[in-house]
N, C-alpha and C. Protein backbone atom coordinates (compact mmCIF):
# COMPACT_ATOMS: atom_id res chain seq x y z
N GLY A 1 103.86 97.47 63.91
CA GLY A 1 104.84 96.63 64.52
C GLY A 1 105.09 97.01 65.96
N ILE A 2 106.03 96.35 66.55
CA ILE A 2 106.34 96.57 67.96
C ILE A 2 106.77 98.02 68.22
N ASN A 3 107.56 98.60 67.32
CA ASN A 3 108.02 99.97 67.53
C ASN A 3 106.85 100.95 67.55
N ALA A 4 105.89 100.75 66.65
CA ALA A 4 104.71 101.63 66.62
C ALA A 4 103.90 101.46 67.89
N GLU A 5 103.75 100.22 68.35
CA GLU A 5 103.00 99.96 69.57
C GLU A 5 103.71 100.59 70.77
N TYR A 6 105.02 100.43 70.82
CA TYR A 6 105.79 101.02 71.92
C TYR A 6 105.65 102.54 71.90
N GLY A 7 105.71 103.13 70.70
CA GLY A 7 105.56 104.58 70.58
C GLY A 7 104.19 105.05 71.03
N THR A 8 103.16 104.29 70.66
CA THR A 8 101.80 104.65 71.07
C THR A 8 101.66 104.59 72.57
N LEU A 9 102.19 103.54 73.20
CA LEU A 9 102.10 103.43 74.65
C LEU A 9 102.93 104.49 75.36
N SER A 10 104.04 104.86 74.75
CA SER A 10 104.85 105.94 75.31
C SER A 10 104.05 107.25 75.30
N LYS A 11 103.34 107.50 74.21
CA LYS A 11 102.51 108.70 74.13
C LYS A 11 101.36 108.64 75.12
N LEU A 12 100.83 107.44 75.32
CA LEU A 12 99.76 107.27 76.30
C LEU A 12 100.24 107.64 77.70
N ARG A 13 101.42 107.15 78.06
CA ARG A 13 101.98 107.47 79.38
C ARG A 13 102.22 108.98 79.52
N THR A 14 102.67 109.62 78.43
CA THR A 14 102.89 111.06 78.45
C THR A 14 101.57 111.79 78.65
N LYS A 15 100.52 111.33 77.99
CA LYS A 15 99.20 111.96 78.14
C LYS A 15 98.72 111.82 79.58
N ILE A 16 98.91 110.64 80.17
CA ILE A 16 98.52 110.45 81.58
C ILE A 16 99.30 111.44 82.45
N PHE A 17 100.58 111.58 82.20
CA PHE A 17 101.41 112.51 82.95
C PHE A 17 100.84 113.93 82.88
N HIS A 18 100.50 114.37 81.68
CA HIS A 18 100.01 115.73 81.49
C HIS A 18 98.61 115.96 82.07
N LYS A 19 97.86 114.89 82.23
CA LYS A 19 96.48 115.00 82.74
C LYS A 19 96.37 114.58 84.21
N ARG A 20 97.50 114.49 84.90
CA ARG A 20 97.49 114.03 86.29
C ARG A 20 96.54 114.83 87.17
N GLY A 21 96.53 116.13 87.04
CA GLY A 21 95.67 116.98 87.87
C GLY A 21 94.20 116.67 87.64
N GLN A 22 93.81 116.59 86.39
CA GLN A 22 92.42 116.28 86.06
C GLN A 22 92.05 114.87 86.49
N LEU A 23 92.99 113.93 86.34
CA LEU A 23 92.72 112.56 86.78
C LEU A 23 92.56 112.51 88.30
N THR A 24 93.38 113.25 89.02
CA THR A 24 93.27 113.28 90.48
C THR A 24 91.87 113.76 90.89
N GLU A 25 91.40 114.81 90.26
CA GLU A 25 90.07 115.34 90.55
C GLU A 25 88.98 114.32 90.22
N ALA A 26 89.10 113.68 89.06
CA ALA A 26 88.09 112.70 88.64
C ALA A 26 88.08 111.50 89.58
N PHE A 27 89.25 111.02 89.98
CA PHE A 27 89.32 109.89 90.92
C PHE A 27 88.72 110.29 92.26
N ALA A 28 89.06 111.48 92.73
CA ALA A 28 88.58 111.94 94.04
C ALA A 28 87.05 112.06 94.05
N GLU A 29 86.46 112.50 92.95
CA GLU A 29 85.00 112.59 92.87
C GLU A 29 84.35 111.21 92.99
N LEU A 30 85.03 110.19 92.48
CA LEU A 30 84.49 108.83 92.53
C LEU A 30 84.83 108.12 93.84
N ASP A 31 85.68 108.73 94.64
CA ASP A 31 86.10 108.17 95.92
C ASP A 31 85.14 108.68 97.01
N VAL A 32 83.94 108.10 97.02
CA VAL A 32 82.88 108.60 97.93
C VAL A 32 83.24 108.44 99.41
N ASP A 33 84.06 107.44 99.73
CA ASP A 33 84.45 107.23 101.13
C ASP A 33 85.68 108.05 101.52
N ARG A 34 86.27 108.73 100.56
CA ARG A 34 87.46 109.57 100.80
C ARG A 34 88.60 108.79 101.46
N VAL A 35 88.88 107.61 100.90
CA VAL A 35 89.94 106.76 101.44
C VAL A 35 91.12 106.61 100.48
N GLY A 36 91.05 107.29 99.32
CA GLY A 36 92.15 107.21 98.37
C GLY A 36 92.12 105.98 97.50
N GLN A 37 90.99 105.29 97.49
CA GLN A 37 90.87 104.07 96.70
C GLN A 37 89.55 104.08 95.94
N ILE A 38 89.58 103.51 94.73
CA ILE A 38 88.37 103.36 93.94
C ILE A 38 88.37 101.99 93.27
N SER A 39 87.23 101.59 92.79
CA SER A 39 87.11 100.30 92.11
C SER A 39 87.76 100.38 90.72
N PRO A 40 88.16 99.24 90.18
CA PRO A 40 88.68 99.25 88.81
C PRO A 40 87.67 99.82 87.81
N LYS A 41 86.38 99.57 88.04
CA LYS A 41 85.34 100.12 87.16
C LYS A 41 85.36 101.65 87.19
N ASN A 42 85.46 102.23 88.38
CA ASN A 42 85.51 103.69 88.50
C ASN A 42 86.83 104.26 87.97
N TRP A 43 87.92 103.53 88.16
CA TRP A 43 89.21 103.94 87.61
C TRP A 43 89.10 104.03 86.10
N SER A 44 88.50 103.00 85.49
CA SER A 44 88.33 102.96 84.04
C SER A 44 87.43 104.10 83.55
N LYS A 45 86.39 104.36 84.30
CA LYS A 45 85.46 105.44 83.96
C LYS A 45 86.18 106.79 83.97
N ALA A 46 86.96 107.04 85.00
CA ALA A 46 87.69 108.31 85.11
C ALA A 46 88.73 108.44 84.00
N MET A 47 89.45 107.36 83.71
CA MET A 47 90.45 107.39 82.64
C MET A 47 89.80 107.73 81.31
N ALA A 48 88.67 107.10 81.01
CA ALA A 48 87.96 107.35 79.74
C ALA A 48 87.46 108.78 79.67
N THR A 49 86.90 109.27 80.78
CA THR A 49 86.33 110.62 80.81
C THR A 49 87.41 111.69 80.62
N VAL A 50 88.50 111.55 81.33
CA VAL A 50 89.54 112.58 81.31
C VAL A 50 90.40 112.50 80.03
N LEU A 51 90.81 111.29 79.66
CA LEU A 51 91.74 111.16 78.54
C LEU A 51 91.04 111.13 77.18
N LYS A 52 89.76 110.82 77.18
CA LYS A 52 88.96 110.83 75.94
C LYS A 52 89.60 110.01 74.82
N LEU A 53 90.05 108.82 75.18
CA LEU A 53 90.63 107.90 74.20
C LEU A 53 89.75 106.66 74.11
N PRO A 54 89.53 106.14 72.90
CA PRO A 54 88.68 104.96 72.72
C PRO A 54 89.43 103.67 73.06
N ILE A 55 89.70 103.52 74.33
CA ILE A 55 90.50 102.39 74.82
C ILE A 55 89.69 101.62 75.85
N GLN A 56 89.84 100.32 75.86
CA GLN A 56 89.22 99.49 76.89
C GLN A 56 90.10 99.59 78.14
N TRP A 57 89.85 100.61 78.94
CA TRP A 57 90.68 100.86 80.12
C TRP A 57 90.65 99.71 81.10
N ILE A 58 89.53 99.03 81.19
CA ILE A 58 89.43 97.91 82.14
C ILE A 58 90.41 96.79 81.77
N ALA A 59 90.67 96.63 80.47
CA ALA A 59 91.64 95.62 80.03
C ALA A 59 93.08 96.05 80.32
N LEU A 60 93.34 97.34 80.28
CA LEU A 60 94.68 97.85 80.56
C LEU A 60 94.97 98.00 82.04
N GLN A 61 93.94 98.12 82.84
CA GLN A 61 94.10 98.39 84.27
C GLN A 61 95.11 97.48 84.97
N PRO A 62 95.08 96.17 84.77
CA PRO A 62 96.05 95.33 85.50
C PRO A 62 97.51 95.66 85.19
N TYR A 63 97.76 96.28 84.04
CA TYR A 63 99.12 96.61 83.63
C TYR A 63 99.52 98.03 83.99
N LEU A 64 98.54 98.87 84.30
CA LEU A 64 98.83 100.27 84.61
C LEU A 64 98.63 100.61 86.08
N ALA A 65 97.62 100.00 86.69
CA ALA A 65 97.26 100.37 88.07
C ALA A 65 97.06 99.11 88.90
N GLU A 66 97.82 99.00 89.97
CA GLU A 66 97.74 97.83 90.84
C GLU A 66 96.43 97.82 91.61
N GLU A 67 95.83 96.65 91.63
CA GLU A 67 94.58 96.45 92.36
C GLU A 67 94.88 95.62 93.61
N VAL A 68 94.44 96.12 94.76
CA VAL A 68 94.63 95.41 96.02
C VAL A 68 93.26 95.30 96.70
N ASN A 69 92.86 94.07 96.97
CA ASN A 69 91.56 93.82 97.60
C ASN A 69 90.41 94.49 96.85
N GLY A 70 90.48 94.43 95.52
CA GLY A 70 89.40 94.96 94.69
C GLY A 70 89.39 96.46 94.53
N LYS A 71 90.44 97.14 94.98
CA LYS A 71 90.50 98.61 94.90
C LYS A 71 91.83 99.06 94.31
N ILE A 72 91.82 100.24 93.72
CA ILE A 72 93.03 100.87 93.18
C ILE A 72 93.33 102.10 94.01
N ARG A 73 94.56 102.16 94.51
CA ARG A 73 94.99 103.36 95.24
C ARG A 73 95.44 104.36 94.19
N TYR A 74 94.55 105.28 93.87
CA TYR A 74 94.78 106.14 92.71
C TYR A 74 95.94 107.11 92.87
N LEU A 75 96.26 107.53 94.06
CA LEU A 75 97.42 108.41 94.22
C LEU A 75 98.71 107.65 93.97
N ASP A 76 98.76 106.37 94.36
CA ASP A 76 99.92 105.53 94.05
C ASP A 76 100.05 105.38 92.53
N PHE A 77 98.92 105.16 91.86
CA PHE A 77 98.93 105.05 90.40
C PHE A 77 99.49 106.33 89.78
N LEU A 78 99.00 107.47 90.20
CA LEU A 78 99.44 108.74 89.62
C LEU A 78 100.88 109.08 89.97
N ASP A 79 101.36 108.63 91.12
CA ASP A 79 102.75 108.89 91.52
C ASP A 79 103.75 108.30 90.52
N ARG A 80 103.33 107.27 89.80
CA ARG A 80 104.22 106.66 88.81
C ARG A 80 104.45 107.56 87.60
N TYR A 81 103.58 108.55 87.43
CA TYR A 81 103.65 109.45 86.28
C TYR A 81 104.17 110.81 86.72
N ASN A 82 105.46 110.85 86.99
CA ASN A 82 106.09 112.10 87.39
C ASN A 82 107.23 112.41 86.43
N ILE A 83 107.78 113.57 86.55
CA ILE A 83 108.80 114.04 85.60
C ILE A 83 110.02 113.12 85.57
N ASN A 84 110.31 112.44 86.66
CA ASN A 84 111.46 111.54 86.71
C ASN A 84 111.15 110.16 86.17
N ASN A 85 109.90 109.89 85.87
CA ASN A 85 109.49 108.55 85.49
C ASN A 85 108.63 108.56 84.23
N ILE A 86 108.85 109.53 83.35
CA ILE A 86 107.99 109.69 82.19
C ILE A 86 108.27 108.66 81.10
N ASP A 87 109.44 108.05 81.11
CA ASP A 87 109.69 107.02 80.10
C ASP A 87 108.91 105.76 80.45
N CYS A 88 108.96 104.79 79.60
CA CYS A 88 108.02 103.67 79.66
C CYS A 88 108.64 102.41 80.25
N GLU A 89 109.02 102.46 81.49
CA GLU A 89 109.70 101.30 82.07
C GLU A 89 108.79 100.08 82.18
N ASN A 90 107.49 100.26 82.27
CA ASN A 90 106.59 99.12 82.42
C ASN A 90 105.86 98.74 81.15
N VAL A 91 106.09 99.47 80.08
CA VAL A 91 105.35 99.20 78.84
C VAL A 91 105.61 97.79 78.34
N GLN A 92 106.82 97.29 78.48
CA GLN A 92 107.14 95.97 77.98
C GLN A 92 106.33 94.88 78.68
N LYS A 93 105.79 95.16 79.87
CA LYS A 93 105.03 94.17 80.62
C LYS A 93 103.61 93.99 80.08
N ILE A 94 103.15 94.94 79.27
CA ILE A 94 101.81 94.83 78.71
C ILE A 94 101.86 93.84 77.55
N PRO A 95 101.03 92.82 77.59
CA PRO A 95 101.06 91.82 76.51
C PRO A 95 100.85 92.45 75.14
N ARG A 96 101.58 91.94 74.17
CA ARG A 96 101.51 92.50 72.82
C ARG A 96 100.09 92.43 72.27
N SER A 97 99.34 91.41 72.63
CA SER A 97 97.97 91.30 72.12
C SER A 97 97.13 92.50 72.54
N ILE A 98 97.37 93.00 73.75
CA ILE A 98 96.62 94.16 74.23
C ILE A 98 97.10 95.43 73.56
N THR A 99 98.43 95.60 73.43
CA THR A 99 98.93 96.81 72.78
C THR A 99 98.48 96.85 71.33
N LYS A 100 98.44 95.70 70.70
CA LYS A 100 98.00 95.64 69.30
C LYS A 100 96.53 96.05 69.20
N LYS A 101 95.69 95.60 70.15
CA LYS A 101 94.28 95.96 70.15
C LYS A 101 94.11 97.47 70.33
N ILE A 102 94.90 98.07 71.22
CA ILE A 102 94.82 99.51 71.44
C ILE A 102 95.15 100.25 70.15
N CYS A 103 96.26 99.88 69.54
CA CYS A 103 96.66 100.56 68.30
C CYS A 103 95.63 100.36 67.20
N THR A 104 95.13 99.15 67.05
CA THR A 104 94.12 98.85 66.03
C THR A 104 92.86 99.66 66.28
N LYS A 105 92.42 99.70 67.54
CA LYS A 105 91.21 100.43 67.89
C LYS A 105 91.37 101.91 67.55
N MET A 106 92.51 102.47 67.89
CA MET A 106 92.73 103.88 67.63
C MET A 106 92.75 104.16 66.13
N LEU A 107 93.36 103.27 65.37
CA LEU A 107 93.41 103.47 63.92
C LEU A 107 92.05 103.23 63.29
N ASN A 108 91.33 102.22 63.75
CA ASN A 108 90.00 101.95 63.21
C ASN A 108 89.03 103.09 63.48
N ASP A 109 89.19 103.74 64.61
CA ASP A 109 88.34 104.88 64.93
C ASP A 109 88.81 106.15 64.22
N LYS A 110 89.87 105.98 63.41
CA LYS A 110 90.43 107.10 62.64
C LYS A 110 90.76 108.29 63.52
N MET A 111 91.28 107.94 64.68
CA MET A 111 91.68 109.01 65.61
C MET A 111 92.83 109.80 65.02
N ASP A 112 92.80 111.06 65.24
CA ASP A 112 93.93 111.91 64.90
C ASP A 112 94.89 111.80 66.08
N LEU A 113 95.92 110.98 65.93
CA LEU A 113 96.82 110.72 67.04
C LEU A 113 97.49 111.99 67.54
N LYS A 114 97.75 112.93 66.65
CA LYS A 114 98.34 114.19 67.12
C LYS A 114 97.37 114.92 68.03
N ALA A 115 96.11 114.90 67.70
CA ALA A 115 95.12 115.56 68.54
C ALA A 115 94.95 114.81 69.85
N ALA A 116 95.02 113.48 69.78
CA ALA A 116 94.83 112.67 70.99
C ALA A 116 95.98 112.85 71.96
N PHE A 117 97.16 113.05 71.41
CA PHE A 117 98.33 113.16 72.28
C PHE A 117 98.88 114.57 72.21
């Protein structure tokens, strides 16, 4: 239900918060021009590599990371995940169809959610 989906997304945001350092490094490696921006494809690749979750990151990207002129400013994205902003103020903006797919995918893959988060 909605509460389970909200809880899952809350844990996802917490995991992003805890992996900020590793995500920064992964994004920077993909930022070949050293301009602080990467493509949504590279953002998705880094998210998958660092967080190791079976999620379609490209589908979540519009709800988690703002894209401007085909690029994501990854430091702006990571700035949203700080100790003062760890709760899920933007989770409600993610369409339920997408949150349901994330939860279903995680359960179908028999992920150990405790291990994942």
